[in-house]
């Protein structure tokens, strides 16, 4: 049985648009890797606010977009995207798609084999799965700074990681076990500018963790500000811009004919 949706994956679409716009912007090379063709049926798994989904639509594909966040689905629909709420660990599509695409979403889905089963089932024979997610070492410094501050406030961190940032070996093993072939996965170091600084990143990408730990709303900004002082100063460039220690796992594979 698939696990319950990740409780730390909680989103404010407006805040994401302000502080997380770099995510879809930096995902365009993944769209190029997918190379969507006119008329193809494509599933966008974890579509977010639909920014990258629009690039698939603009290429002429027939796109179905899903996301577990009601706020993100609403934002995607507001763009005119065909989006629906769905748990990526319990996909119910059966042989409908020429391709499945996913950007910056799989690391929030903790039951990797369940996701792989759903994607495999959703694809037509010969269909391809292309995407990008956080990989081993992703945001290690940012996460460490926030976790240290939370512990200083007396919060006990979850025993199990709330994101899956796999190695190439571990990721490939999950998908090979389901029968995917021609798996090409690679880790990419990608220092990523944070226009809103570490505090903005914490606010956008770790508010769900605050919910899990039941951190009172009135304390969160103080924690984020203090955690930002723990981020290594080497992550701030001479131009004053902070850059996150992102490591992306980019992949492509296909279902056998």
C-alpha atoms as a PDB file:
ATOM      1  CA  UNK A   1       0.000   0.000   0.000  1.00  0.00           C
ATOM      2  CA  UNK A   2       1.301   3.450  -0.854  1.00  0.00           C
ATOM      3  CA  UNK A   3       2.223   5.760   1.970  1.00  0.00           C
ATOM      4  CA  UNK A   4       0.097   8.772   2.851  1.00  0.00           C
ATOM      5  CA  UNK A   5       1.008  11.991   1.016  1.00  0.00           C
ATOM      6  CA  UNK A   6       4.062  13.749   2.435  1.00  0.00           C
ATOM      7  CA  UNK A   7       2.726  16.119   5.106  1.00  0.00           C
ATOM      8  CA  UNK A   8       5.724  18.421   4.692  1.00  0.00           C
ATOM      9  CA  UNK A   9       4.808  19.115   1.053  1.00  0.00           C
ATOM     10  CA  UNK A  10       2.578  22.132   1.659  1.00  0.00           C
ATOM     11  CA  UNK A  11       2.499  25.129  -0.662  1.00  0.00           C
ATOM     12  CA  UNK A  12       1.303  28.693  -0.989  1.00  0.00           C
ATOM     13  CA  UNK A  13       1.010  29.308  -4.730  1.00  0.00           C
ATOM     14  CA  UNK A  14       1.526  33.074  -4.473  1.00  0.00           C
ATOM     15  CA  UNK A  15       4.597  32.703  -2.269  1.00  0.00           C
ATOM     16  CA  UNK A  16       5.945  30.025  -4.601  1.00  0.00           C
ATOM     17  CA  UNK A  17       5.484  32.377  -7.543  1.00  0.00           C
ATOM     18  CA  UNK A  18       7.555  35.045  -5.755  1.00  0.00           C
ATOM     19  CA  UNK A  19      10.327  32.971  -4.177  1.00  0.00           C
ATOM     20  CA  UNK A  20      10.299  29.723  -6.153  1.00  0.00           C
ATOM     21  CA  UNK A  21      10.006  30.961  -9.740  1.00  0.00           C
ATOM     22  CA  UNK A  22      13.554  29.765 -10.390  1.00  0.00           C
ATOM     23  CA  UNK A  23      12.367  26.147 -10.158  1.00  0.00           C
ATOM     24  CA  UNK A  24      10.406  26.057 -13.438  1.00  0.00           C
ATOM     25  CA  UNK A  25      12.791  28.531 -15.072  1.00  0.00           C
ATOM     26  CA  UNK A  26      15.735  26.208 -14.461  1.00  0.00           C
ATOM     27  CA  UNK A  27      13.644  23.215 -15.541  1.00  0.00           C
ATOM     28  CA  UNK A  28      13.533  24.227 -19.199  1.00  0.00           C
ATOM     29  CA  UNK A  29      16.538  21.989 -20.098  1.00  0.00           C
ATOM     30  CA  UNK A  30      14.454  19.046 -18.856  1.00  0.00           C
ATOM     31  CA  UNK A  31      11.676  20.015 -21.264  1.00  0.00           C
ATOM     32  CA  UNK A  32      14.303  20.044 -24.018  1.00  0.00           C
ATOM     33  CA  UNK A  33      15.445  16.575 -22.934  1.00  0.00           C
ATOM     34  CA  UNK A  34      11.857  15.351 -23.150  1.00  0.00           C
ATOM     35  CA  UNK A  35      11.522  16.929 -26.607  1.00  0.00           C
ATOM     36  CA  UNK A  36       7.696  16.901 -26.634  1.00  0.00           C
ATOM     37  CA  UNK A  37       6.130  16.406 -30.030  1.00  0.00           C
ATOM     38  CA  UNK A  38       2.843  17.774 -31.376  1.00  0.00           C
ATOM     39  CA  UNK A  39      -0.062  15.486 -30.592  1.00  0.00           C
ATOM     40  CA  UNK A  40       1.723  13.442 -27.931  1.00  0.00           C
ATOM     41  CA  UNK A  41      -0.190  12.577 -24.781  1.00  0.00           C
ATOM     42  CA  UNK A  42       1.984  13.636 -21.824  1.00  0.00           C
ATOM     43  CA  UNK A  43       1.418  13.393 -18.081  1.00  0.00           C
ATOM     44  CA  UNK A  44       3.046  16.177 -16.044  1.00  0.00           C
ATOM     45  CA  UNK A  45       3.627  14.575 -12.635  1.00  0.00           C
ATOM     46  CA  UNK A  46       3.863  17.232  -9.931  1.00  0.00           C
ATOM     47  CA  UNK A  47       2.957  20.142 -12.185  1.00  0.00           C
ATOM     48  CA  UNK A  48       3.167  22.867  -9.527  1.00  0.00           C
ATOM     49  CA  UNK A  49       1.654  26.112 -10.761  1.00  0.00           C
ATOM     50  CA  UNK A  50       1.772  24.947 -14.374  1.00  0.00           C
ATOM     51  CA  UNK A  51       4.619  27.135 -15.635  1.00  0.00           C
ATOM     52  CA  UNK A  52       6.540  24.253 -17.228  1.00  0.00           C
ATOM     53  CA  UNK A  53       3.314  22.500 -18.185  1.00  0.00           C
ATOM     54  CA  UNK A  54       2.627  25.466 -20.433  1.00  0.00           C
ATOM     55  CA  UNK A  55       5.898  24.805 -22.266  1.00  0.00           C
ATOM     56  CA  UNK A  56       4.646  21.281 -23.038  1.00  0.00           C
ATOM     57  CA  UNK A  57       1.320  22.642 -24.250  1.00  0.00           C
ATOM     58  CA  UNK A  58       3.083  25.238 -26.389  1.00  0.00           C
ATOM     59  CA  UNK A  59       5.005  22.390 -28.046  1.00  0.00           C
ATOM     60  CA  UNK A  60       1.678  20.975 -29.212  1.00  0.00           C
ATOM     61  CA  UNK A  61       1.378  18.115 -26.737  1.00  0.00           C
ATOM     62  CA  UNK A  62      -1.907  17.026 -25.179  1.00  0.00           C
ATOM     63  CA  UNK A  63      -1.050  17.433 -21.505  1.00  0.00           C
ATOM     64  CA  UNK A  64      -2.694  16.116 -18.358  1.00  0.00           C
ATOM     65  CA  UNK A  65      -1.201  17.726 -15.257  1.00  0.00           C
ATOM     66  CA  UNK A  66      -1.446  16.409 -11.697  1.00  0.00           C
ATOM     67  CA  UNK A  67      -0.256  17.691  -8.351  1.00  0.00           C
ATOM     68  CA  UNK A  68      -1.014  16.719  -4.757  1.00  0.00           C
ATOM     69  CA  UNK A  69      -1.387  20.363  -3.685  1.00  0.00           C
ATOM     70  CA  UNK A  70      -4.875  21.874  -4.111  1.00  0.00           C
ATOM     71  CA  UNK A  71      -3.310  25.356  -4.151  1.00  0.00           C
ATOM     72  CA  UNK A  72      -0.958  24.436  -6.980  1.00  0.00           C
ATOM     73  CA  UNK A  73      -3.715  22.733  -8.981  1.00  0.00           C
ATOM     74  CA  UNK A  74      -5.820  25.868  -8.651  1.00  0.00           C
ATOM     75  CA  UNK A  75      -2.896  28.016  -9.835  1.00  0.00           C
ATOM     76  CA  UNK A  76      -2.327  25.720 -12.829  1.00  0.00           C
ATOM     77  CA  UNK A  77      -6.028  25.795 -13.732  1.00  0.00           C
ATOM     78  CA  UNK A  78      -5.947  29.581 -13.566  1.00  0.00           C
ATOM     79  CA  UNK A  79      -3.396  29.413 -16.400  1.00  0.00           C
ATOM     80  CA  UNK A  80      -5.797  27.313 -18.436  1.00  0.00           C
ATOM     81  CA  UNK A  81      -3.932  24.060 -17.757  1.00  0.00           C
ATOM     82  CA  UNK A  82      -5.855  20.765 -17.636  1.00  0.00           C
ATOM     83  CA  UNK A  83      -4.853  19.988 -14.039  1.00  0.00           C
ATOM     84  CA  UNK A  84      -6.254  17.755 -11.340  1.00  0.00           C
ATOM     85  CA  UNK A  85      -5.338  16.843  -7.785  1.00  0.00           C
ATOM     86  CA  UNK A  86      -3.713  13.427  -7.493  1.00  0.00           C
ATOM     87  CA  UNK A  87      -1.277  11.643  -5.203  1.00  0.00           C
ATOM     88  CA  UNK A  88       1.830  10.719  -7.194  1.00  0.00           C
ATOM     89  CA  UNK A  89       2.188   7.566  -5.125  1.00  0.00           C
ATOM     90  CA  UNK A  90      -1.273   6.364  -6.198  1.00  0.00           C
ATOM     91  CA  UNK A  91      -1.549   7.184  -9.886  1.00  0.00           C
ATOM     92  CA  UNK A  92      -4.591   5.581 -11.505  1.00  0.00           C
ATOM     93  CA  UNK A  93      -3.784   6.000 -15.220  1.00  0.00           C
ATOM     94  CA  UNK A  94      -3.509   2.904 -17.384  1.00  0.00           C
ATOM     95  CA  UNK A  95      -1.532   2.993 -20.643  1.00  0.00           C
ATOM     96  CA  UNK A  96      -2.656   6.483 -21.640  1.00  0.00           C
ATOM     97  CA  UNK A  97       0.559   8.424 -22.177  1.00  0.00           C
ATOM     98  CA  UNK A  98       3.376   8.598 -24.689  1.00  0.00           C
ATOM     99  CA  UNK A  99       5.529  10.247 -22.022  1.00  0.00           C
ATOM    100  CA  UNK A 100       5.556  11.193 -18.349  1.00  0.00           C
ATOM    101  CA  UNK A 101       7.386  14.359 -17.331  1.00  0.00           C
ATOM    102  CA  UNK A 102       8.333  15.516 -13.841  1.00  0.00           C
ATOM    103  CA  UNK A 103      10.340  18.467 -12.544  1.00  0.00           C
ATOM    104  CA  UNK A 104      11.293  19.153  -8.911  1.00  0.00           C
ATOM    105  CA  UNK A 105       8.532  16.926  -7.546  1.00  0.00           C
ATOM    106  CA  UNK A 106       9.666  13.323  -7.092  1.00  0.00           C
ATOM    107  CA  UNK A 107      11.769  14.104  -4.014  1.00  0.00           C
ATOM    108  CA  UNK A 108       8.544  14.947  -2.161  1.00  0.00           C
ATOM    109  CA  UNK A 109       7.139  11.479  -2.947  1.00  0.00           C
ATOM    110  CA  UNK A 110       8.719   9.210  -0.349  1.00  0.00           C
ATOM    111  CA  UNK A 111       7.425   5.866  -1.641  1.00  0.00           C
ATOM    112  CA  UNK A 112       9.643   5.664  -4.720  1.00  0.00           C
ATOM    113  CA  UNK A 113       8.534   2.170  -5.806  1.00  0.00           C
ATOM    114  CA  UNK A 114       4.865   3.235  -5.660  1.00  0.00           C
ATOM    115  CA  UNK A 115       5.606   6.212  -7.917  1.00  0.00           C
ATOM    116  CA  UNK A 116       7.560   3.997 -10.307  1.00  0.00           C
ATOM    117  CA  UNK A 117       4.690   1.509 -10.516  1.00  0.00           C
ATOM    118  CA  UNK A 118       2.213   4.259 -11.301  1.00  0.00           C
ATOM    119  CA  UNK A 119       4.410   5.813 -13.971  1.00  0.00           C
ATOM    120  CA  UNK A 120       5.112   2.435 -15.596  1.00  0.00           C
ATOM    121  CA  UNK A 121       1.399   1.648 -15.709  1.00  0.00           C
ATOM    122  CA  UNK A 122       0.506   5.105 -17.047  1.00  0.00           C
ATOM    123  CA  UNK A 123       2.855   4.810 -20.038  1.00  0.00           C
ATOM    124  CA  UNK A 124       2.091   3.183 -23.346  1.00  0.00           C
ATOM    125  CA  UNK A 125       4.588   0.503 -24.471  1.00  0.00           C
ATOM    126  CA  UNK A 126       7.745   2.310 -25.550  1.00  0.00           C
ATOM    127  CA  UNK A 127       6.751   5.435 -23.635  1.00  0.00           C
ATOM    128  CA  UNK A 128       9.421   7.527 -21.974  1.00  0.00           C
ATOM    129  CA  UNK A 129       9.835   9.005 -18.499  1.00  0.00           C
ATOM    130  CA  UNK A 130      11.942  12.155 -18.316  1.00  0.00           C
ATOM    131  CA  UNK A 131      12.500  14.474 -15.413  1.00  0.00           C
ATOM    132  CA  UNK A 132      14.586  16.054 -12.717  1.00  0.00           C
ATOM    133  CA  UNK A 133      14.502  15.954  -8.929  1.00  0.00           C
ATOM    134  CA  UNK A 134      16.720  16.683  -5.966  1.00  0.00           C
ATOM    135  CA  UNK A 135      19.639  14.260  -5.790  1.00  0.00           C
ATOM    136  CA  UNK A 136      22.097  13.121  -3.130  1.00  0.00           C
ATOM    137  CA  UNK A 137      23.538  16.135  -1.284  1.00  0.00           C
ATOM    138  CA  UNK A 138      20.790  18.503  -2.384  1.00  0.00           C
ATOM    139  CA  UNK A 139      20.496  21.664  -0.223  1.00  0.00           C
ATOM    140  CA  UNK A 140      22.619  19.995   2.443  1.00  0.00           C
ATOM    141  CA  UNK A 141      23.872  23.310   3.828  1.00  0.00           C
ATOM    142  CA  UNK A 142      20.469  24.990   3.835  1.00  0.00           C
ATOM    143  CA  UNK A 143      18.786  22.031   5.453  1.00  0.00           C
ATOM    144  CA  UNK A 144      21.560  21.737   8.017  1.00  0.00           C
ATOM    145  CA  UNK A 145      21.224  25.399   9.002  1.00  0.00           C
ATOM    146  CA  UNK A 146      17.471  25.184   9.523  1.00  0.00           C
ATOM    147  CA  UNK A 147      17.637  21.844  11.321  1.00  0.00           C
ATOM    148  CA  UNK A 148      20.294  23.168  13.714  1.00  0.00           C
ATOM    149  CA  UNK A 149      18.150  26.194  14.551  1.00  0.00           C
ATOM    150  CA  UNK A 150      15.056  24.048  15.085  1.00  0.00           C
ATOM    151  CA  UNK A 151      16.991  21.819  17.473  1.00  0.00           C
ATOM    152  CA  UNK A 152      18.252  24.924  19.308  1.00  0.00           C
ATOM    153  CA  UNK A 153      14.605  25.869  19.838  1.00  0.00           C
ATOM    154  CA  UNK A 154      13.970  22.432  21.308  1.00  0.00           C
ATOM    155  CA  UNK A 155      12.231  20.764  18.371  1.00  0.00           C
ATOM    156  CA  UNK A 156      12.880  17.080  17.734  1.00  0.00           C
ATOM    157  CA  UNK A 157      13.419  16.504  14.026  1.00  0.00           C
ATOM    158  CA  UNK A 158      11.538  13.696  12.256  1.00  0.00           C
ATOM    159  CA  UNK A 159      13.274  10.334  12.502  1.00  0.00           C
ATOM    160  CA  UNK A 160      12.861   9.785   8.776  1.00  0.00           C
ATOM    161  CA  UNK A 161      13.869  12.248   6.075  1.00  0.00           C
ATOM    162  CA  UNK A 162      10.912  14.111   4.605  1.00  0.00           C
ATOM    163  CA  UNK A 163      12.506  14.335   1.160  1.00  0.00           C
ATOM    164  CA  UNK A 164      14.024  11.597  -0.999  1.00  0.00           C
ATOM    165  CA  UNK A 165      17.321  12.800  -2.448  1.00  0.00           C
ATOM    166  CA  UNK A 166      18.703   9.559  -3.914  1.00  0.00           C
ATOM    167  CA  UNK A 167      22.043   8.567  -5.331  1.00  0.00           C
ATOM    168  CA  UNK A 168      22.144   7.558  -8.992  1.00  0.00           C
ATOM    169  CA  UNK A 169      22.502   3.920  -7.913  1.00  0.00           C
ATOM    170  CA  UNK A 170      19.500   3.962  -5.587  1.00  0.00           C
ATOM    171  CA  UNK A 171      17.281   5.856  -8.008  1.00  0.00           C
ATOM    172  CA  UNK A 172      18.157   3.644 -10.968  1.00  0.00           C
ATOM    173  CA  UNK A 173      17.593   0.495  -8.915  1.00  0.00           C
ATOM    174  CA  UNK A 174      14.014   1.491  -8.099  1.00  0.00           C
ATOM    175  CA  UNK A 175      13.096   2.043 -11.739  1.00  0.00           C
ATOM    176  CA  UNK A 176      15.046  -0.908 -13.124  1.00  0.00           C
ATOM    177  CA  UNK A 177      13.176  -3.178 -10.708  1.00  0.00           C
ATOM    178  CA  UNK A 178       9.892  -2.106 -12.316  1.00  0.00           C
ATOM    179  CA  UNK A 179      11.140  -2.952 -15.801  1.00  0.00           C
ATOM    180  CA  UNK A 180      12.253   0.422 -17.152  1.00  0.00           C
ATOM    181  CA  UNK A 181      15.107   0.234 -19.654  1.00  0.00           C
ATOM    182  CA  UNK A 182      17.697   2.636 -21.101  1.00  0.00           C
ATOM    183  CA  UNK A 183      17.913   4.418 -17.742  1.00  0.00           C
ATOM    184  CA  UNK A 184      20.214   7.427 -17.929  1.00  0.00           C
ATOM    185  CA  UNK A 185      20.531   9.279 -14.603  1.00  0.00           C
ATOM    186  CA  UNK A 186      23.124  11.858 -13.628  1.00  0.00           C
ATOM    187  CA  UNK A 187      23.790  14.267 -10.757  1.00  0.00           C
ATOM    188  CA  UNK A 188      24.256  17.943 -11.585  1.00  0.00           C
ATOM    189  CA  UNK A 189      25.698  20.474  -9.138  1.00  0.00           C
ATOM    190  CA  UNK A 190      23.701  23.640  -9.674  1.00  0.00           C
ATOM    191  CA  UNK A 191      24.318  26.589  -7.334  1.00  0.00           C
ATOM    192  CA  UNK A 192      21.007  28.404  -7.572  1.00  0.00           C
ATOM    193  CA  UNK A 193      20.457  32.148  -6.941  1.00  0.00           C
ATOM    194  CA  UNK A 194      18.045  32.951  -4.124  1.00  0.00           C
ATOM    195  CA  UNK A 195      16.659  36.454  -4.749  1.00  0.00           C
ATOM    196  CA  UNK A 196      14.849  36.356  -1.388  1.00  0.00           C
ATOM    197  CA  UNK A 197      17.874  34.945   0.452  1.00  0.00           C
ATOM    198  CA  UNK A 198      17.915  31.905   2.732  1.00  0.00           C
ATOM    199  CA  UNK A 199      14.921  33.224   4.698  1.00  0.00           C
ATOM    200  CA  UNK A 200      12.797  33.288   1.554  1.00  0.00           C
ATOM    201  CA  UNK A 201      13.871  29.747   0.698  1.00  0.00           C
ATOM    202  CA  UNK A 202      13.002  28.499   4.178  1.00  0.00           C
ATOM    203  CA  UNK A 203       9.617  30.205   4.015  1.00  0.00           C
ATOM    204  CA  UNK A 204       8.702  28.757   0.622  1.00  0.00           C
ATOM    205  CA  UNK A 205      10.200  25.282   0.791  1.00  0.00           C
ATOM    206  CA  UNK A 206      10.104  24.394   4.492  1.00  0.00           C
ATOM    207  CA  UNK A 207       6.821  25.810   5.760  1.00  0.00           C
ATOM    208  CA  UNK A 208       5.464  22.271   5.464  1.00  0.00           C
ATOM    209  CA  UNK A 209       8.170  21.090   7.864  1.00  0.00           C
ATOM    210  CA  UNK A 210       7.042  23.800  10.279  1.00  0.00           C
ATOM    211  CA  UNK A 211       3.535  22.339  10.071  1.00  0.00           C
ATOM    212  CA  UNK A 212       4.817  18.828  10.766  1.00  0.00           C
ATOM    213  CA  UNK A 213       6.699  20.062  13.844  1.00  0.00           C
ATOM    214  CA  UNK A 214       3.753  22.233  14.959  1.00  0.00           C
ATOM    215  CA  UNK A 215       5.905  25.362  15.094  1.00  0.00           C
ATOM    216  CA  UNK A 216       3.630  28.294  16.044  1.00  0.00           C
ATOM    217  CA  UNK A 217       3.128  30.744  13.198  1.00  0.00           C
ATOM    218  CA  UNK A 218       4.373  33.634  15.317  1.00  0.00           C
ATOM    219  CA  UNK A 219       7.754  31.916  15.830  1.00  0.00           C
ATOM    220  CA  UNK A 220       8.512  30.910  12.270  1.00  0.00           C
ATOM    221  CA  UNK A 221      10.021  34.134  10.950  1.00  0.00           C
ATOM    222  CA  UNK A 222      12.321  34.331  13.970  1.00  0.00           C
ATOM    223  CA  UNK A 223      13.496  30.776  13.296  1.00  0.00           C
ATOM    224  CA  UNK A 224      14.012  31.463   9.600  1.00  0.00           C
ATOM    225  CA  UNK A 225      15.992  34.632  10.320  1.00  0.00           C
ATOM    226  CA  UNK A 226      18.177  32.921  12.905  1.00  0.00           C
ATOM    227  CA  UNK A 227      18.688  29.872  10.656  1.00  0.00           C
ATOM    228  CA  UNK A 228      19.878  32.188   7.870  1.00  0.00           C
ATOM    229  CA  UNK A 229      22.765  33.294  10.094  1.00  0.00           C
ATOM    230  CA  UNK A 230      23.888  29.656  10.259  1.00  0.00           C
ATOM    231  CA  UNK A 231      24.170  29.348   6.461  1.00  0.00           C
ATOM    232  CA  UNK A 232      27.866  29.397   5.446  1.00  0.00           C
ATOM    233  CA  UNK A 233      28.843  32.858   4.234  1.00  0.00           C
ATOM    234  CA  UNK A 234      30.665  31.211   1.316  1.00  0.00           C
ATOM    235  CA  UNK A 235      27.210  30.696  -0.197  1.00  0.00           C
ATOM    236  CA  UNK A 236      26.861  34.461  -0.639  1.00  0.00           C
ATOM    237  CA  UNK A 237      28.672  35.805  -3.695  1.00  0.00           C
ATOM    238  CA  UNK A 238      30.560  39.050  -4.054  1.00  0.00           C
ATOM    239  CA  UNK A 239      27.465  40.388  -5.796  1.00  0.00           C
ATOM    240  CA  UNK A 240      25.531  39.925  -2.547  1.00  0.00           C
ATOM    241  CA  UNK A 241      23.373  37.141  -3.981  1.00  0.00           C
ATOM    242  CA  UNK A 242      22.906  33.981  -1.933  1.00  0.00           C
ATOM    243  CA  UNK A 243      23.107  30.736  -3.901  1.00  0.00           C
ATOM    244  CA  UNK A 244      21.546  27.492  -2.744  1.00  0.00           C
ATOM    245  CA  UNK A 245      23.589  24.290  -2.818  1.00  0.00           C
ATOM    246  CA  UNK A 246      21.277  22.491  -5.230  1.00  0.00           C
ATOM    247  CA  UNK A 247      22.175  19.069  -6.615  1.00  0.00           C
ATOM    248  CA  UNK A 248      19.769  17.828  -9.265  1.00  0.00           C
ATOM    249  CA  UNK A 249      19.228  14.274 -10.451  1.00  0.00           C
ATOM    250  CA  UNK A 250      18.251  14.446 -14.129  1.00  0.00           C
ATOM    251  CA  UNK A 251      17.007  11.285 -15.803  1.00  0.00           C
ATOM    252  CA  UNK A 252      15.497   9.686 -18.862  1.00  0.00           C
ATOM    253  CA  UNK A 253      14.241   6.131 -19.361  1.00  0.00           C
ATOM    254  CA  UNK A 254      11.577   4.241 -21.235  1.00  0.00           C
ATOM    255  CA  UNK A 255       9.048   1.465 -20.845  1.00  0.00           C
ATOM    256  CA  UNK A 256       9.859  -1.545 -23.057  1.00  0.00           C
ATOM    257  CA  UNK A 257       7.949  -1.867 -26.320  1.00  0.00           C
END
